[in-house]
Amino acid sequence: MENITTPENALVAMVKTGTLDLFSNRETMKFVYDSAKLLAGSQLVPQNYQGKPENCMIAIDIANRVGASPIFVMQNLYVVKGKG
């Protein structure tokens, strides 16, 4: 079977290998934000991420940097809110 390379497949490959700067350009940011929206719409992600694609986007970035799964990062990253 022939491996078809598309921009989307290339982005997915770079995310999987941690070689992508997620905020490097508009196309990449849109891809990551669309992925974050999908995660934010799931009830399987921790509550701090449900309905919050911005939080998911940060978790995706951290996952990319450390070579981990975004879900793994979400399960182990605690959002700390300061008291004023």
PDB file of N, CA and C in Angstrom:
ATOM      1  N   MET A   1       0.842  -1.179   0.000  1.00  0.00           N
ATOM      2  CA  MET A   1       0.000   0.000   0.000  1.00  0.00           C
ATOM      3  C   MET A   1       0.886   1.241   0.000  1.00  0.00           C
ATOM      4  N   GLU A   2       0.522   2.206  -0.792  1.00  0.00           N
ATOM      5  CA  GLU A   2       1.299   3.426  -0.923  1.00  0.00           C
ATOM      6  C   GLU A   2       0.982   4.401   0.223  1.00  0.00           C
ATOM      7  N   ASN A   3       2.018   5.017   0.769  1.00  0.00           N
ATOM      8  CA  ASN A   3       1.849   5.995   1.837  1.00  0.00           C
ATOM      9  C   ASN A   3       1.602   7.365   1.210  1.00  0.00           C
ATOM     10  N   ILE A   4       0.407   7.891   1.387  1.00  0.00           N
ATOM     11  CA  ILE A   4       0.053   9.175   0.800  1.00  0.00           C
ATOM     12  C   ILE A   4       0.375  10.274   1.800  1.00  0.00           C
ATOM     13  N   THR A   5       1.214  11.216   1.383  1.00  0.00           N
ATOM     14  CA  THR A   5       1.590  12.313   2.265  1.00  0.00           C
ATOM     15  C   THR A   5       0.711  13.515   1.982  1.00  0.00           C
ATOM     16  N   THR A   6       0.025  13.962   2.992  1.00  0.00           N
ATOM     17  CA  THR A   6      -0.786  15.176   2.914  1.00  0.00           C
ATOM     18  C   THR A   6      -0.270  16.121   3.989  1.00  0.00           C
ATOM     19  N   PRO A   7      -0.600  17.399   3.903  1.00  0.00           N
ATOM     20  CA  PRO A   7      -0.186  18.309   4.976  1.00  0.00           C
ATOM     21  C   PRO A   7      -0.674  17.856   6.346  1.00  0.00           C
ATOM     22  N   GLU A   8      -1.898  17.316   6.394  1.00  0.00           N
ATOM     23  CA  GLU A   8      -2.435  16.842   7.668  1.00  0.00           C
ATOM     24  C   GLU A   8      -1.642  15.665   8.200  1.00  0.00           C
ATOM     25  N   ASN A   9      -1.287  14.709   7.320  1.00  0.00           N
ATOM     26  CA  ASN A   9      -0.489  13.559   7.751  1.00  0.00           C
ATOM     27  C   ASN A   9       0.890  13.994   8.216  1.00  0.00           C
ATOM     28  N   ALA A  10       1.465  14.964   7.535  1.00  0.00           N
ATOM     29  CA  ALA A  10       2.779  15.466   7.932  1.00  0.00           C
ATOM     30  C   ALA A  10       2.710  16.115   9.301  1.00  0.00           C
ATOM     31  N   LEU A  11       1.644  16.885   9.556  1.00  0.00           N
ATOM     32  CA  LEU A  11       1.484  17.508  10.869  1.00  0.00           C
ATOM     33  C   LEU A  11       1.307  16.462  11.961  1.00  0.00           C
ATOM     34  N   VAL A  12       0.498  15.447  11.677  1.00  0.00           N
ATOM     35  CA  VAL A  12       0.290  14.378  12.654  1.00  0.00           C
ATOM     36  C   VAL A  12       1.610  13.682  12.961  1.00  0.00           C
ATOM     37  N   ALA A  13       2.398  13.402  11.942  1.00  0.00           N
ATOM     38  CA  ALA A  13       3.696  12.746  12.145  1.00  0.00           C
ATOM     39  C   ALA A  13       4.618  13.609  12.994  1.00  0.00           C
ATOM     40  N   MET A  14       4.627  14.923  12.742  1.00  0.00           N
ATOM     41  CA  MET A  14       5.491  15.802  13.535  1.00  0.00           C
ATOM     42  C   MET A  14       5.027  15.882  14.981  1.00  0.00           C
ATOM     43  N   VAL A  15       3.705  15.881  15.200  1.00  0.00           N
ATOM     44  CA  VAL A  15       3.182  15.893  16.569  1.00  0.00           C
ATOM     45  C   VAL A  15       3.578  14.605  17.278  1.00  0.00           C
ATOM     46  N   LYS A  16       3.443  13.465  16.585  1.00  0.00           N
ATOM     47  CA  LYS A  16       3.776  12.177  17.199  1.00  0.00           C
ATOM     48  C   LYS A  16       5.246  12.071  17.573  1.00  0.00           C
ATOM     49  N   THR A  17       6.111  12.705  16.816  1.00  0.00           N
ATOM     50  CA  THR A  17       7.546  12.601  17.088  1.00  0.00           C
ATOM     51  C   THR A  17       8.074  13.760  17.919  1.00  0.00           C
ATOM     52  N   GLY A  18       7.205  14.727  18.238  1.00  0.00           N
ATOM     53  CA  GLY A  18       7.628  15.847  19.066  1.00  0.00           C
ATOM     54  C   GLY A  18       8.526  16.832  18.350  1.00  0.00           C
ATOM     55  N   THR A  19       8.473  16.846  17.025  1.00  0.00           N
ATOM     56  CA  THR A  19       9.354  17.732  16.255  1.00  0.00           C
ATOM     57  C   THR A  19       8.633  18.963  15.726  1.00  0.00           C
ATOM     58  N   LEU A  20       7.478  19.235  16.247  1.00  0.00           N
ATOM     59  CA  LEU A  20       6.668  20.326  15.730  1.00  0.00           C
ATOM     60  C   LEU A  20       6.570  21.446  16.753  1.00  0.00           C
ATOM     61  N   ASP A  21       6.843  22.668  16.330  1.00  0.00           N
ATOM     62  CA  ASP A  21       6.577  23.838  17.165  1.00  0.00           C
ATOM     63  C   ASP A  21       5.110  24.188  16.919  1.00  0.00           C
ATOM     64  N   LEU A  22       4.280  23.890  17.891  1.00  0.00           N
ATOM     65  CA  LEU A  22       2.841  23.987  17.701  1.00  0.00           C
ATOM     66  C   LEU A  22       2.344  25.399  17.425  1.00  0.00           C
ATOM     67  N   PHE A  23       3.141  26.379  17.745  1.00  0.00           N
ATOM     68  CA  PHE A  23       2.713  27.758  17.566  1.00  0.00           C
ATOM     69  C   PHE A  23       3.531  28.467  16.496  1.00  0.00           C
ATOM     70  N   SER A  24       4.108  27.693  15.575  1.00  0.00           N
ATOM     71  CA  SER A  24       5.031  28.262  14.590  1.00  0.00           C
ATOM     72  C   SER A  24       4.341  29.008  13.446  1.00  0.00           C
ATOM     73  N   ASN A  25       3.154  28.579  13.090  1.00  0.00           N
ATOM     74  CA  ASN A  25       2.453  29.269  12.005  1.00  0.00           C
ATOM     75  C   ASN A  25       0.948  29.046  12.128  1.00  0.00           C
ATOM     76  N   ARG A  26       0.212  29.786  11.335  1.00  0.00           N
ATOM     77  CA  ARG A  26      -1.252  29.767  11.422  1.00  0.00           C
ATOM     78  C   ARG A  26      -1.839  28.378  11.120  1.00  0.00           C
ATOM     79  N   GLU A  27      -1.320  27.706  10.107  1.00  0.00           N
ATOM     80  CA  GLU A  27      -1.839  26.384   9.723  1.00  0.00           C
ATOM     81  C   GLU A  27      -1.655  25.377  10.849  1.00  0.00           C
ATOM     82  N   THR A  28      -0.489  25.391  11.456  1.00  0.00           N
ATOM     83  CA  THR A  28      -0.208  24.466  12.547  1.00  0.00           C
ATOM     84  C   THR A  28      -1.087  24.775  13.749  1.00  0.00           C
ATOM     85  N   MET A  29      -1.215  26.051  14.076  1.00  0.00           N
ATOM     86  CA  MET A  29      -2.052  26.435  15.214  1.00  0.00           C
ATOM     87  C   MET A  29      -3.509  26.029  14.994  1.00  0.00           C
ATOM     88  N   LYS A  30      -3.991  26.184  13.765  1.00  0.00           N
ATOM     89  CA  LYS A  30      -5.372  25.784  13.472  1.00  0.00           C
ATOM     90  C   LYS A  30      -5.543  24.280  13.647  1.00  0.00           C
ATOM     91  N   PHE A  31      -4.577  23.500  13.162  1.00  0.00           N
ATOM     92  CA  PHE A  31      -4.626  22.047  13.313  1.00  0.00           C
ATOM     93  C   PHE A  31      -4.663  21.671  14.796  1.00  0.00           C
ATOM     94  N   VAL A  32      -3.795  22.286  15.583  1.00  0.00           N
ATOM     95  CA  VAL A  32      -3.729  21.980  17.015  1.00  0.00           C
ATOM     96  C   VAL A  32      -5.019  22.424  17.706  1.00  0.00           C
ATOM     97  N   TYR A  33      -5.526  23.608  17.351  1.00  0.00           N
ATOM     98  CA  TYR A  33      -6.756  24.095  17.975  1.00  0.00           C
ATOM     99  C   TYR A  33      -7.941  23.198  17.621  1.00  0.00           C
ATOM    100  N   ASP A  34      -8.011  22.746  16.379  1.00  0.00           N
ATOM    101  CA  ASP A  34      -9.085  21.823  15.991  1.00  0.00           C
ATOM    102  C   ASP A  34      -8.993  20.527  16.794  1.00  0.00           C
ATOM    103  N   SER A  35      -7.782  20.038  17.002  1.00  0.00           N
ATOM    104  CA  SER A  35      -7.575  18.832  17.820  1.00  0.00           C
ATOM    105  C   SER A  35      -7.995  19.100  19.261  1.00  0.00           C
ATOM    106  N   ALA A  36      -7.655  20.279  19.760  1.00  0.00           N
ATOM    107  CA  ALA A  36      -8.005  20.651  21.131  1.00  0.00           C
ATOM    108  C   ALA A  36      -9.525  20.743  21.301  1.00  0.00           C
ATOM    109  N   LYS A  37     -10.223  21.260  20.272  1.00  0.00           N
ATOM    110  CA  LYS A  37     -11.686  21.337  20.340  1.00  0.00           C
ATOM    111  C   LYS A  37     -12.295  19.945  20.429  1.00  0.00           C
ATOM    112  N   LEU A  38     -11.724  18.986  19.690  1.00  0.00           N
ATOM    113  CA  LEU A  38     -12.223  17.609  19.759  1.00  0.00           C
ATOM    114  C   LEU A  38     -12.043  17.048  21.164  1.00  0.00           C
ATOM    115  N   LEU A  39     -10.874  17.253  21.741  1.00  0.00           N
ATOM    116  CA  LEU A  39     -10.625  16.767  23.097  1.00  0.00           C
ATOM    117  C   LEU A  39     -11.540  17.450  24.108  1.00  0.00           C
ATOM    118  N   ALA A  40     -11.715  18.758  23.963  1.00  0.00           N
ATOM    119  CA  ALA A  40     -12.540  19.523  24.904  1.00  0.00           C
ATOM    120  C   ALA A  40     -13.999  19.075  24.869  1.00  0.00           C
ATOM    121  N   GLY A  41     -14.419  18.517  23.749  1.00  0.00           N
ATOM    122  CA  GLY A  41     -15.795  18.047  23.617  1.00  0.00           C
ATOM    123  C   GLY A  41     -16.032  16.664  24.190  1.00  0.00           C
ATOM    124  N   SER A  42     -14.990  16.025  24.662  1.00  0.00           N
ATOM    125  CA  SER A  42     -15.099  14.665  25.182  1.00  0.00           C
ATOM    126  C   SER A  42     -15.325  14.652  26.688  1.00  0.00           C
ATOM    127  N   GLN A  43     -16.152  13.737  27.136  1.00  0.00           N
ATOM    128  CA  GLN A  43     -16.352  13.552  28.572  1.00  0.00           C
ATOM    129  C   GLN A  43     -15.298  12.631  29.163  1.00  0.00           C
ATOM    130  N   LEU A  44     -14.394  12.130  28.317  1.00  0.00           N
ATOM    131  CA  LEU A  44     -13.349  11.230  28.801  1.00  0.00           C
ATOM    132  C   LEU A  44     -12.100  11.978  29.276  1.00  0.00           C
ATOM    133  N   VAL A  45     -12.012  13.273  28.945  1.00  0.00           N
ATOM    134  CA  VAL A  45     -10.876  14.061  29.439  1.00  0.00           C
ATOM    135  C   VAL A  45     -11.243  14.589  30.824  1.00  0.00           C
ATOM    136  N   PRO A  46     -10.235  14.894  31.652  1.00  0.00           N
ATOM    137  CA  PRO A  46     -10.536  15.440  32.982  1.00  0.00           C
ATOM    138  C   PRO A  46     -11.390  16.701  32.903  1.00  0.00           C
ATOM    139  N   GLN A  47     -12.149  16.958  33.954  1.00  0.00           N
ATOM    140  CA  GLN A  47     -13.121  18.048  33.981  1.00  0.00           C
ATOM    141  C   GLN A  47     -12.499  19.414  33.699  1.00  0.00           C
ATOM    142  N   ASN A  48     -11.246  19.644  34.126  1.00  0.00           N
ATOM    143  CA  ASN A  48     -10.587  20.932  33.874  1.00  0.00           C
ATOM    144  C   ASN A  48     -10.400  21.218  32.387  1.00  0.00           C
ATOM    145  N   TYR A  49     -10.559  20.209  31.543  1.00  0.00           N
ATOM    146  CA  TYR A  49     -10.339  20.361  30.107  1.00  0.00           C
ATOM    147  C   TYR A  49     -11.633  20.317  29.312  1.00  0.00           C
ATOM    148  N   GLN A  50     -12.704  19.843  29.911  1.00  0.00           N
ATOM    149  CA  GLN A  50     -13.982  19.732  29.205  1.00  0.00           C
ATOM    150  C   GLN A  50     -14.525  21.118  28.884  1.00  0.00           C
ATOM    151  N   GLY A  51     -14.792  21.348  27.612  1.00  0.00           N
ATOM    152  CA  GLY A  51     -15.317  22.629  27.170  1.00  0.00           C
ATOM    153  C   GLY A  51     -14.295  23.751  27.162  1.00  0.00           C
ATOM    154  N   LYS A  52     -13.027  23.415  27.337  1.00  0.00           N
ATOM    155  CA  LYS A  52     -11.967  24.425  27.384  1.00  0.00           C
ATOM    156  C   LYS A  52     -10.852  24.067  26.400  1.00  0.00           C
ATOM    157  N   PRO A  53     -11.063  24.336  25.112  1.00  0.00           N
ATOM    158  CA  PRO A  53     -10.050  23.973  24.115  1.00  0.00           C
ATOM    159  C   PRO A  53      -8.710  24.667  24.353  1.00  0.00           C
ATOM    160  N   GLU A  54      -8.729  25.834  24.989  1.00  0.00           N
ATOM    161  CA  GLU A  54      -7.467  26.535  25.262  1.00  0.00           C
ATOM    162  C   GLU A  54      -6.608  25.725  26.229  1.00  0.00           C
ATOM    163  N   ASN A  55      -7.237  25.151  27.268  1.00  0.00           N
ATOM    164  CA  ASN A  55      -6.494  24.302  28.202  1.00  0.00           C
ATOM    165  C   ASN A  55      -5.988  23.047  27.500  1.00  0.00           C
ATOM    166  N   CYS A  56      -6.828  22.484  26.629  1.00  0.00           N
ATOM    167  CA  CYS A  56      -6.424  21.296  25.874  1.00  0.00           C
ATOM    168  C   CYS A  56      -5.244  21.612  24.965  1.00  0.00           C
ATOM    169  N   MET A  57      -5.250  22.794  24.368  1.00  0.00           N
ATOM    170  CA  MET A  57      -4.165  23.196  23.476  1.00  0.00           C
ATOM    171  C   MET A  57      -2.842  23.263  24.239  1.00  0.00           C
ATOM    172  N   ILE A  58      -2.870  23.788  25.433  1.00  0.00           N
ATOM    173  CA  ILE A  58      -1.659  23.843  26.255  1.00  0.00           C
ATOM    174  C   ILE A  58      -1.205  22.439  26.625  1.00  0.00           C
ATOM    175  N   ALA A  59      -2.151  21.565  26.959  1.00  0.00           N
ATOM    176  CA  ALA A  59      -1.796  20.181  27.281  1.00  0.00           C
ATOM    177  C   ALA A  59      -1.185  19.478  26.066  1.00  0.00           C
ATOM    178  N   ILE A  60      -1.707  19.747  24.878  1.00  0.00           N
ATOM    179  CA  ILE A  60      -1.145  19.172  23.657  1.00  0.00           C
ATOM    180  C   ILE A  60       0.282  19.660  23.456  1.00  0.00           C
ATOM    181  N   ASP A  61       0.515  20.949  23.702  1.00  0.00           N
ATOM    182  CA  ASP A  61       1.863  21.500  23.561  1.00  0.00           C
ATOM    183  C   ASP A  61       2.825  20.842  24.543  1.00  0.00           C
ATOM    184  N   ILE A  62       2.415  20.710  25.795  1.00  0.00           N
ATOM    185  CA  ILE A  62       3.279  20.062  26.796  1.00  0.00           C
ATOM    186  C   ILE A  62       3.542  18.611  26.396  1.00  0.00           C
ATOM    187  N   ALA A  63       2.502  17.911  25.960  1.00  0.00           N
ATOM    188  CA  ALA A  63       2.661  16.518  25.535  1.00  0.00           C
ATOM    189  C   ALA A  63       3.661  16.410  24.391  1.00  0.00           C
ATOM    190  N   ASN A  64       3.571  17.331  23.453  1.00  0.00           N
ATOM    191  CA  ASN A  64       4.491  17.346  22.321  1.00  0.00           C
ATOM    192  C   ASN A  64       5.931  17.551  22.791  1.00  0.00           C
ATOM    193  N   ARG A  65       6.115  18.453  23.737  1.00  0.00           N
ATOM    194  CA  ARG A  65       7.467  18.767  24.221  1.00  0.00           C
ATOM    195  C   ARG A  65       8.109  17.619  24.995  1.00  0.00           C
ATOM    196  N   VAL A  66       7.294  16.871  25.741  1.00  0.00           N
ATOM    197  CA  VAL A  66       7.855  15.791  26.565  1.00  0.00           C
ATOM    198  C   VAL A  66       7.708  14.413  25.927  1.00  0.00           C
ATOM    199  N   GLY A  67       7.065  14.358  24.761  1.00  0.00           N
ATOM    200  CA  GLY A  67       6.921  13.079  24.061  1.00  0.00           C
ATOM    201  C   GLY A  67       5.903  12.154  24.697  1.00  0.00           C
ATOM    202  N   ALA A  68       4.824  12.732  25.210  1.00  0.00           N
ATOM    203  CA  ALA A  68       3.786  11.930  25.864  1.00  0.00           C
ATOM    204  C   ALA A  68       2.452  12.123  25.147  1.00  0.00           C
ATOM    205  N   SER A  69       1.494  11.338  25.526  1.00  0.00           N
ATOM    206  CA  SER A  69       0.141  11.453  24.994  1.00  0.00           C
ATOM    207  C   SER A  69      -0.554  12.659  25.630  1.00  0.00           C
ATOM    208  N   PRO A  70      -1.326  13.416  24.839  1.00  0.00           N
ATOM    209  CA  PRO A  70      -2.074  14.530  25.432  1.00  0.00           C
ATOM    210  C   PRO A  70      -2.999  14.088  26.571  1.00  0.00           C
ATOM    211  N   ILE A  71      -3.639  12.941  26.419  1.00  0.00           N
ATOM    212  CA  ILE A  71      -4.528  12.442  27.473  1.00  0.00           C
ATOM    213  C   ILE A  71      -3.730  12.152  28.746  1.00  0.00           C
ATOM    214  N   PHE A  72      -2.554  11.554  28.604  1.00  0.00           N
ATOM    215  CA  PHE A  72      -1.696  11.281  29.752  1.00  0.00           C
ATOM    216  C   PHE A  72      -1.337  12.575  30.467  1.00  0.00           C
ATOM    217  N   VAL A  73      -0.974  13.593  29.699  1.00  0.00           N
ATOM    218  CA  VAL A  73      -0.630  14.897  30.294  1.00  0.00           C
ATOM    219  C   VAL A  73      -1.844  15.468  31.015  1.00  0.00           C
ATOM    220  N   MET A  74      -3.009  15.413  30.389  1.00  0.00           N
ATOM    221  CA  MET A  74      -4.208  15.955  31.015  1.00  0.00           C
ATOM    222  C   MET A  74      -4.530  15.251  32.327  1.00  0.00           C
ATOM    223  N   GLN A  75      -4.311  13.943  32.375  1.00  0.00           N
ATOM    224  CA  GLN A  75      -4.607  13.187  33.584  1.00  0.00           C
ATOM    225  C   GLN A  75      -3.622  13.489  34.712  1.00  0.00           C
ATOM    226  N   ASN A  76      -2.456  13.982  34.372  1.00  0.00           N
ATOM    227  CA  ASN A  76      -1.414  14.185  35.375  1.00  0.00           C
ATOM    228  C   ASN A  76      -1.026  15.640  35.599  1.00  0.00           C
ATOM    229  N   LEU A  77      -1.675  16.554  34.908  1.00  0.00           N
ATOM    230  CA  LEU A  77      -1.394  17.971  35.055  1.00  0.00           C
ATOM    231  C   LEU A  77      -2.514  18.596  35.865  1.00  0.00           C
ATOM    232  N   TYR A  78      -2.161  19.249  36.935  1.00  0.00           N
ATOM    233  CA  TYR A  78      -3.172  19.854  37.800  1.00  0.00           C
ATOM    234  C   TYR A  78      -3.183  21.355  37.594  1.00  0.00           C
ATOM    235  N   VAL A  79      -4.378  21.886  37.373  1.00  0.00           N
ATOM    236  CA  VAL A  79      -4.548  23.315  37.211  1.00  0.00           C
ATOM    237  C   VAL A  79      -4.667  23.914  38.609  1.00  0.00           C
ATOM    238  N   VAL A  80      -3.733  24.803  38.937  1.00  0.00           N
ATOM    239  CA  VAL A  80      -3.723  25.421  40.259  1.00  0.00           C
ATOM    240  C   VAL A  80      -4.194  26.860  40.097  1.00  0.00           C
ATOM    241  N   LYS A  81      -5.206  27.211  40.851  1.00  0.00           N
ATOM    242  CA  LYS A  81      -5.734  28.575  40.794  1.00  0.00           C
ATOM    243  C   LYS A  81      -5.341  29.302  42.076  1.00  0.00           C
ATOM    244  N   GLY A  82      -4.745  30.454  41.901  1.00  0.00           N
ATOM    245  CA  GLY A  82      -4.348  31.235  43.068  1.00  0.00           C
ATOM    246  C   GLY A  82      -5.541  31.877  43.743  1.00  0.00           C
ATOM    247  N   LYS A  83      -5.371  32.181  45.011  1.00  0.00           N
ATOM    248  CA  LYS A  83      -6.431  32.865  45.752  1.00  0.00           C
ATOM    249  C   LYS A  83      -6.006  34.298  45.948  1.00  0.00           C
ATOM    250  N   GLY A  84      -6.919  35.233  45.705  1.00  0.00           N
ATOM    251  CA  GLY A  84      -6.572  36.632  45.758  1.00  0.00           C
ATOM    252  C   GLY A  84      -7.050  37.363  46.934  1.00  0.00           C
TER     253      GLY A  84
END
